[in-house]
């Protein structure tokens, strides 16, 4: 198991930004980007799907890279590694239609409710809904928008990060269009370009 050297959402954004930038430069595609993010941060390995028990154990366990909780929005925290849940539902949102993705999210939470003897997690629901929406947006606009989506809606505040896609533009707080500029309008499926 790896742990990012700089913990928290800033490390998550940096890691995803590097993957998105590499995918853009290598023209390897958005599927590969989403699959890599899901593998590194949520331990979803598609080749292991043919072994359902192993696949489900991996998804329930610790992913290869864990970044911790620092800088994540407080209303989406329910454990020590919020990037795992977000990344898993980003994957689901990218591949599944919105309705099916939402059903998968609630089915997973119901399974957790049973597994953890009555513990329901609204923070996981909020994080999952963000992941699903962001997965849909990556499918529509491409992977280069993903770091900005995380910075603007998953992060509480990120002051020391800038994207290779929009140099010299630090990230702002979540749900804002200042700073990085590629933030979502609240609940919208539209993205603005980098601030000039």
C-alpha atoms as a PDB file:
ATOM      1  CA  UNK A   1       0.000   0.000   0.000  1.00  0.00           C
ATOM      2  CA  UNK A   2       1.271   3.449  -0.941  1.00  0.00           C
ATOM      3  CA  UNK A   3       0.468   6.645   0.864  1.00  0.00           C
ATOM      4  CA  UNK A   4       0.901   9.962  -0.926  1.00  0.00           C
ATOM      5  CA  UNK A   5       3.781  11.945   0.594  1.00  0.00           C
ATOM      6  CA  UNK A   6       1.588  15.036   0.956  1.00  0.00           C
ATOM      7  CA  UNK A   7      -1.603  13.886   2.590  1.00  0.00           C
ATOM      8  CA  UNK A   8      -5.133  14.965   1.908  1.00  0.00           C
ATOM      9  CA  UNK A   9      -7.103  16.424  -0.926  1.00  0.00           C
ATOM     10  CA  UNK A  10      -4.118  18.362  -2.296  1.00  0.00           C
ATOM     11  CA  UNK A  11      -2.271  15.071  -2.883  1.00  0.00           C
ATOM     12  CA  UNK A  12      -5.412  13.573  -4.425  1.00  0.00           C
ATOM     13  CA  UNK A  13      -5.781  16.532  -6.804  1.00  0.00           C
ATOM     14  CA  UNK A  14      -2.086  16.408  -7.713  1.00  0.00           C
ATOM     15  CA  UNK A  15      -2.240  12.678  -8.390  1.00  0.00           C
ATOM     16  CA  UNK A  16      -5.409  12.913 -10.482  1.00  0.00           C
ATOM     17  CA  UNK A  17      -4.067  15.989 -12.277  1.00  0.00           C
ATOM     18  CA  UNK A  18      -0.897  14.128 -13.263  1.00  0.00           C
ATOM     19  CA  UNK A  19      -2.968  11.200 -14.530  1.00  0.00           C
ATOM     20  CA  UNK A  20      -5.319  13.496 -16.473  1.00  0.00           C
ATOM     21  CA  UNK A  21      -2.461  15.468 -17.973  1.00  0.00           C
ATOM     22  CA  UNK A  22      -0.634  12.271 -18.972  1.00  0.00           C
ATOM     23  CA  UNK A  23      -3.830  10.836 -20.504  1.00  0.00           C
ATOM     24  CA  UNK A  24      -4.304  14.075 -22.466  1.00  0.00           C
ATOM     25  CA  UNK A  25      -0.703  14.181 -23.726  1.00  0.00           C
ATOM     26  CA  UNK A  26      -0.596  10.477 -24.583  1.00  0.00           C
ATOM     27  CA  UNK A  27      -4.132  10.542 -26.003  1.00  0.00           C
ATOM     28  CA  UNK A  28      -4.828   7.373 -24.020  1.00  0.00           C
ATOM     29  CA  UNK A  29      -8.459   8.258 -23.467  1.00  0.00           C
ATOM     30  CA  UNK A  30     -10.851   9.020 -20.664  1.00  0.00           C
ATOM     31  CA  UNK A  31     -11.645   5.344 -19.982  1.00  0.00           C
ATOM     32  CA  UNK A  32      -8.035   4.640 -19.148  1.00  0.00           C
ATOM     33  CA  UNK A  33      -7.900   7.714 -16.905  1.00  0.00           C
ATOM     34  CA  UNK A  34     -11.046   6.723 -14.988  1.00  0.00           C
ATOM     35  CA  UNK A  35      -9.895   3.094 -14.734  1.00  0.00           C
ATOM     36  CA  UNK A  36      -6.486   4.193 -13.389  1.00  0.00           C
ATOM     37  CA  UNK A  37      -8.004   6.575 -10.822  1.00  0.00           C
ATOM     38  CA  UNK A  38     -10.402   3.817  -9.713  1.00  0.00           C
ATOM     39  CA  UNK A  39      -7.579   1.278  -9.440  1.00  0.00           C
ATOM     40  CA  UNK A  40      -5.185   3.523  -7.524  1.00  0.00           C
ATOM     41  CA  UNK A  41      -7.633   5.231  -5.176  1.00  0.00           C
ATOM     42  CA  UNK A  42     -10.521   2.712  -4.863  1.00  0.00           C
ATOM     43  CA  UNK A  43      -8.841  -0.648  -5.668  1.00  0.00           C
ATOM     44  CA  UNK A  44     -11.236  -1.359  -8.530  1.00  0.00           C
ATOM     45  CA  UNK A  45      -9.289  -3.605 -10.893  1.00  0.00           C
ATOM     46  CA  UNK A  46     -11.379  -4.592 -13.900  1.00  0.00           C
ATOM     47  CA  UNK A  47      -9.257  -7.681 -14.733  1.00  0.00           C
ATOM     48  CA  UNK A  48     -10.212  -9.064 -11.297  1.00  0.00           C
ATOM     49  CA  UNK A  49     -13.951  -8.756 -12.049  1.00  0.00           C
ATOM     50  CA  UNK A  50     -13.862 -12.329 -13.373  1.00  0.00           C
ATOM     51  CA  UNK A  51     -13.097 -13.370  -9.771  1.00  0.00           C
ATOM     52  CA  UNK A  52     -16.092 -11.798  -7.972  1.00  0.00           C
ATOM     53  CA  UNK A  53     -15.025 -12.656  -4.402  1.00  0.00           C
ATOM     54  CA  UNK A  54     -11.545 -11.158  -4.883  1.00  0.00           C
ATOM     55  CA  UNK A  55     -13.037  -8.150  -6.694  1.00  0.00           C
ATOM     56  CA  UNK A  56     -15.506  -7.376  -3.885  1.00  0.00           C
ATOM     57  CA  UNK A  57     -12.868  -7.884  -1.166  1.00  0.00           C
ATOM     58  CA  UNK A  58     -10.547  -5.455  -2.913  1.00  0.00           C
ATOM     59  CA  UNK A  59     -13.302  -2.859  -3.234  1.00  0.00           C
ATOM     60  CA  UNK A  60     -14.118  -3.183   0.475  1.00  0.00           C
ATOM     61  CA  UNK A  61     -10.456  -3.038   1.501  1.00  0.00           C
ATOM     62  CA  UNK A  62      -7.707  -0.445   1.471  1.00  0.00           C
ATOM     63  CA  UNK A  63      -6.692   0.852  -1.980  1.00  0.00           C
ATOM     64  CA  UNK A  64      -3.057   1.048  -3.132  1.00  0.00           C
ATOM     65  CA  UNK A  65      -2.933   4.828  -2.576  1.00  0.00           C
ATOM     66  CA  UNK A  66      -4.539   6.461   0.451  1.00  0.00           C
ATOM     67  CA  UNK A  67      -4.412  10.213   0.934  1.00  0.00           C
ATOM     68  CA  UNK A  68      -6.192  10.756   4.249  1.00  0.00           C
ATOM     69  CA  UNK A  69      -8.831  13.337   5.115  1.00  0.00           C
ATOM     70  CA  UNK A  70      -7.004  16.679   5.218  1.00  0.00           C
ATOM     71  CA  UNK A  71      -8.710  19.301   3.083  1.00  0.00           C
ATOM     72  CA  UNK A  72     -11.758  17.257   2.115  1.00  0.00           C
ATOM     73  CA  UNK A  73     -15.165  18.818   2.704  1.00  0.00           C
ATOM     74  CA  UNK A  74     -16.354  17.904   6.192  1.00  0.00           C
ATOM     75  CA  UNK A  75     -19.812  16.914   4.938  1.00  0.00           C
ATOM     76  CA  UNK A  76     -18.385  14.061   2.820  1.00  0.00           C
ATOM     77  CA  UNK A  77     -16.093  12.562   5.487  1.00  0.00           C
ATOM     78  CA  UNK A  78     -17.061   9.355   7.234  1.00  0.00           C
ATOM     79  CA  UNK A  79     -13.777   7.446   7.331  1.00  0.00           C
ATOM     80  CA  UNK A  80     -10.017   7.894   7.029  1.00  0.00           C
ATOM     81  CA  UNK A  81      -9.931   7.762   3.202  1.00  0.00           C
ATOM     82  CA  UNK A  82     -12.716   9.685   1.431  1.00  0.00           C
ATOM     83  CA  UNK A  83     -10.921   9.486  -1.935  1.00  0.00           C
ATOM     84  CA  UNK A  84     -11.767   5.758  -2.060  1.00  0.00           C
ATOM     85  CA  UNK A  85     -15.543   6.180  -2.017  1.00  0.00           C
ATOM     86  CA  UNK A  86     -15.485   9.180  -4.363  1.00  0.00           C
ATOM     87  CA  UNK A  87     -13.215   7.368  -6.871  1.00  0.00           C
ATOM     88  CA  UNK A  88     -15.369   4.241  -6.850  1.00  0.00           C
ATOM     89  CA  UNK A  89     -18.507   6.226  -7.649  1.00  0.00           C
ATOM     90  CA  UNK A  90     -16.629   8.328 -10.216  1.00  0.00           C
ATOM     91  CA  UNK A  91     -15.981   5.012 -11.977  1.00  0.00           C
ATOM     92  CA  UNK A  92     -19.634   3.960 -11.669  1.00  0.00           C
ATOM     93  CA  UNK A  93     -20.848   7.368 -12.874  1.00  0.00           C
ATOM     94  CA  UNK A  94     -18.550   7.259 -15.879  1.00  0.00           C
ATOM     95  CA  UNK A  95     -19.769   3.853 -17.067  1.00  0.00           C
ATOM     96  CA  UNK A  96     -23.372   3.560 -15.869  1.00  0.00           C
ATOM     97  CA  UNK A  97     -26.376   5.704 -16.737  1.00  0.00           C
ATOM     98  CA  UNK A  98     -27.198   8.157 -13.945  1.00  0.00           C
ATOM     99  CA  UNK A  99     -30.243   6.222 -12.669  1.00  0.00           C
ATOM    100  CA  UNK A 100     -28.372   2.895 -12.547  1.00  0.00           C
ATOM    101  CA  UNK A 101     -25.328   4.562 -10.944  1.00  0.00           C
ATOM    102  CA  UNK A 102     -27.559   6.027  -8.228  1.00  0.00           C
ATOM    103  CA  UNK A 103     -29.136   2.605  -7.625  1.00  0.00           C
ATOM    104  CA  UNK A 104     -25.651   1.098  -7.291  1.00  0.00           C
ATOM    105  CA  UNK A 105     -24.701   3.806  -4.770  1.00  0.00           C
ATOM    106  CA  UNK A 106     -27.763   3.141  -2.606  1.00  0.00           C
ATOM    107  CA  UNK A 107     -27.376  -0.657  -2.928  1.00  0.00           C
ATOM    108  CA  UNK A 108     -23.757  -0.330  -1.743  1.00  0.00           C
ATOM    109  CA  UNK A 109     -24.855   1.850   1.187  1.00  0.00           C
ATOM    110  CA  UNK A 110     -27.642  -0.581   2.113  1.00  0.00           C
ATOM    111  CA  UNK A 111     -25.082  -3.397   2.090  1.00  0.00           C
ATOM    112  CA  UNK A 112     -22.883  -1.257   4.364  1.00  0.00           C
ATOM    113  CA  UNK A 113     -25.845  -0.574   6.621  1.00  0.00           C
ATOM    114  CA  UNK A 114     -26.325  -4.333   7.070  1.00  0.00           C
ATOM    115  CA  UNK A 115     -22.591  -5.061   7.304  1.00  0.00           C
ATOM    116  CA  UNK A 116     -21.964  -2.372   9.928  1.00  0.00           C
ATOM    117  CA  UNK A 117     -25.108  -3.188  11.943  1.00  0.00           C
ATOM    118  CA  UNK A 118     -27.305  -0.188  11.342  1.00  0.00           C
ATOM    119  CA  UNK A 119     -24.764   2.516  10.557  1.00  0.00           C
ATOM    120  CA  UNK A 120     -26.021   4.692   7.683  1.00  0.00           C
ATOM    121  CA  UNK A 121     -23.624   7.170   6.074  1.00  0.00           C
ATOM    122  CA  UNK A 122     -25.043  10.353   4.576  1.00  0.00           C
ATOM    123  CA  UNK A 123     -21.496  11.628   3.954  1.00  0.00           C
ATOM    124  CA  UNK A 124     -20.909   8.576   1.727  1.00  0.00           C
ATOM    125  CA  UNK A 125     -24.138   9.321  -0.141  1.00  0.00           C
ATOM    126  CA  UNK A 126     -23.054  12.944  -0.739  1.00  0.00           C
ATOM    127  CA  UNK A 127     -19.568  11.851  -1.815  1.00  0.00           C
ATOM    128  CA  UNK A 128     -21.022   9.156  -4.060  1.00  0.00           C
ATOM    129  CA  UNK A 129     -23.431  11.557  -5.735  1.00  0.00           C
ATOM    130  CA  UNK A 130     -20.518  13.921  -6.423  1.00  0.00           C
ATOM    131  CA  UNK A 131     -18.502  11.024  -7.852  1.00  0.00           C
ATOM    132  CA  UNK A 132     -21.382   9.958 -10.089  1.00  0.00           C
ATOM    133  CA  UNK A 133     -21.923  13.513 -11.373  1.00  0.00           C
ATOM    134  CA  UNK A 134     -18.210  13.974 -11.973  1.00  0.00           C
ATOM    135  CA  UNK A 135     -18.007  10.646 -13.807  1.00  0.00           C
ATOM    136  CA  UNK A 136     -20.801  11.794 -16.119  1.00  0.00           C
ATOM    137  CA  UNK A 137     -18.985  15.115 -16.692  1.00  0.00           C
ATOM    138  CA  UNK A 138     -15.684  13.383 -17.491  1.00  0.00           C
ATOM    139  CA  UNK A 139     -17.567  11.243 -20.001  1.00  0.00           C
ATOM    140  CA  UNK A 140     -19.067  14.385 -21.572  1.00  0.00           C
ATOM    141  CA  UNK A 141     -16.133  16.842 -21.457  1.00  0.00           C
ATOM    142  CA  UNK A 142     -13.041  14.672 -21.046  1.00  0.00           C
ATOM    143  CA  UNK A 143     -10.636  13.878 -18.248  1.00  0.00           C
ATOM    144  CA  UNK A 144      -8.951  17.273 -18.207  1.00  0.00           C
ATOM    145  CA  UNK A 145     -11.910  18.637 -16.202  1.00  0.00           C
ATOM    146  CA  UNK A 146     -11.537  16.106 -13.372  1.00  0.00           C
ATOM    147  CA  UNK A 147      -8.891  17.884 -11.241  1.00  0.00           C
ATOM    148  CA  UNK A 148     -10.936  21.096 -11.343  1.00  0.00           C
ATOM    149  CA  UNK A 149     -14.100  19.241 -10.362  1.00  0.00           C
ATOM    150  CA  UNK A 150     -12.325  17.745  -7.358  1.00  0.00           C
ATOM    151  CA  UNK A 151     -10.789  21.096  -6.387  1.00  0.00           C
ATOM    152  CA  UNK A 152     -14.067  22.950  -6.708  1.00  0.00           C
ATOM    153  CA  UNK A 153     -16.502  20.467  -5.142  1.00  0.00           C
ATOM    154  CA  UNK A 154     -14.648  17.805  -3.151  1.00  0.00           C
ATOM    155  CA  UNK A 155     -12.021  19.995  -1.523  1.00  0.00           C
ATOM    156  CA  UNK A 156     -12.831  22.296   1.369  1.00  0.00           C
ATOM    157  CA  UNK A 157     -10.055  24.606   0.257  1.00  0.00           C
ATOM    158  CA  UNK A 158      -6.910  24.118  -1.784  1.00  0.00           C
ATOM    159  CA  UNK A 159      -4.595  27.104  -1.978  1.00  0.00           C
ATOM    160  CA  UNK A 160      -1.280  25.601  -3.079  1.00  0.00           C
ATOM    161  CA  UNK A 161      -2.212  23.580  -6.162  1.00  0.00           C
ATOM    162  CA  UNK A 162      -2.260  24.572  -9.794  1.00  0.00           C
ATOM    163  CA  UNK A 163      -3.219  22.460 -12.756  1.00  0.00           C
ATOM    164  CA  UNK A 164      -0.987  21.874 -15.752  1.00  0.00           C
ATOM    165  CA  UNK A 165      -4.157  22.438 -17.799  1.00  0.00           C
ATOM    166  CA  UNK A 166      -4.575  25.974 -16.385  1.00  0.00           C
ATOM    167  CA  UNK A 167      -1.127  27.134 -15.221  1.00  0.00           C
ATOM    168  CA  UNK A 168      -0.805  29.936 -12.691  1.00  0.00           C
ATOM    169  CA  UNK A 169      -4.376  29.514 -11.511  1.00  0.00           C
ATOM    170  CA  UNK A 170      -4.596  28.150  -7.966  1.00  0.00           C
ATOM    171  CA  UNK A 171      -7.647  26.218  -6.905  1.00  0.00           C
ATOM    172  CA  UNK A 172     -10.375  28.011  -4.977  1.00  0.00           C
ATOM    173  CA  UNK A 173     -12.872  26.681  -2.444  1.00  0.00           C
ATOM    174  CA  UNK A 174     -15.554  24.187  -3.442  1.00  0.00           C
ATOM    175  CA  UNK A 175     -18.608  25.225  -5.452  1.00  0.00           C
ATOM    176  CA  UNK A 176     -17.012  28.438  -6.655  1.00  0.00           C
ATOM    177  CA  UNK A 177     -15.952  29.663 -10.061  1.00  0.00           C
ATOM    178  CA  UNK A 178     -13.156  31.894  -8.820  1.00  0.00           C
ATOM    179  CA  UNK A 179      -9.546  30.719  -8.792  1.00  0.00           C
ATOM    180  CA  UNK A 180      -9.281  27.677 -11.013  1.00  0.00           C
ATOM    181  CA  UNK A 181     -12.389  28.600 -12.939  1.00  0.00           C
ATOM    182  CA  UNK A 182     -13.488  25.183 -14.175  1.00  0.00           C
ATOM    183  CA  UNK A 183     -16.001  24.659 -11.418  1.00  0.00           C
ATOM    184  CA  UNK A 184     -19.471  23.315 -11.845  1.00  0.00           C
ATOM    185  CA  UNK A 185     -22.516  25.390 -11.328  1.00  0.00           C
ATOM    186  CA  UNK A 186     -24.441  23.901  -8.412  1.00  0.00           C
ATOM    187  CA  UNK A 187     -26.018  20.656  -9.649  1.00  0.00           C
ATOM    188  CA  UNK A 188     -25.359  21.565 -13.272  1.00  0.00           C
ATOM    189  CA  UNK A 189     -23.753  19.476 -15.975  1.00  0.00           C
ATOM    190  CA  UNK A 190     -21.871  22.434 -17.449  1.00  0.00           C
ATOM    191  CA  UNK A 191     -18.256  23.432 -16.958  1.00  0.00           C
ATOM    192  CA  UNK A 192     -16.647  26.811 -17.532  1.00  0.00           C
ATOM    193  CA  UNK A 193     -13.183  27.169 -19.046  1.00  0.00           C
ATOM    194  CA  UNK A 194     -10.072  28.254 -17.170  1.00  0.00           C
ATOM    195  CA  UNK A 195     -10.157  31.872 -16.025  1.00  0.00           C
ATOM    196  CA  UNK A 196      -8.273  34.165 -18.364  1.00  0.00           C
END
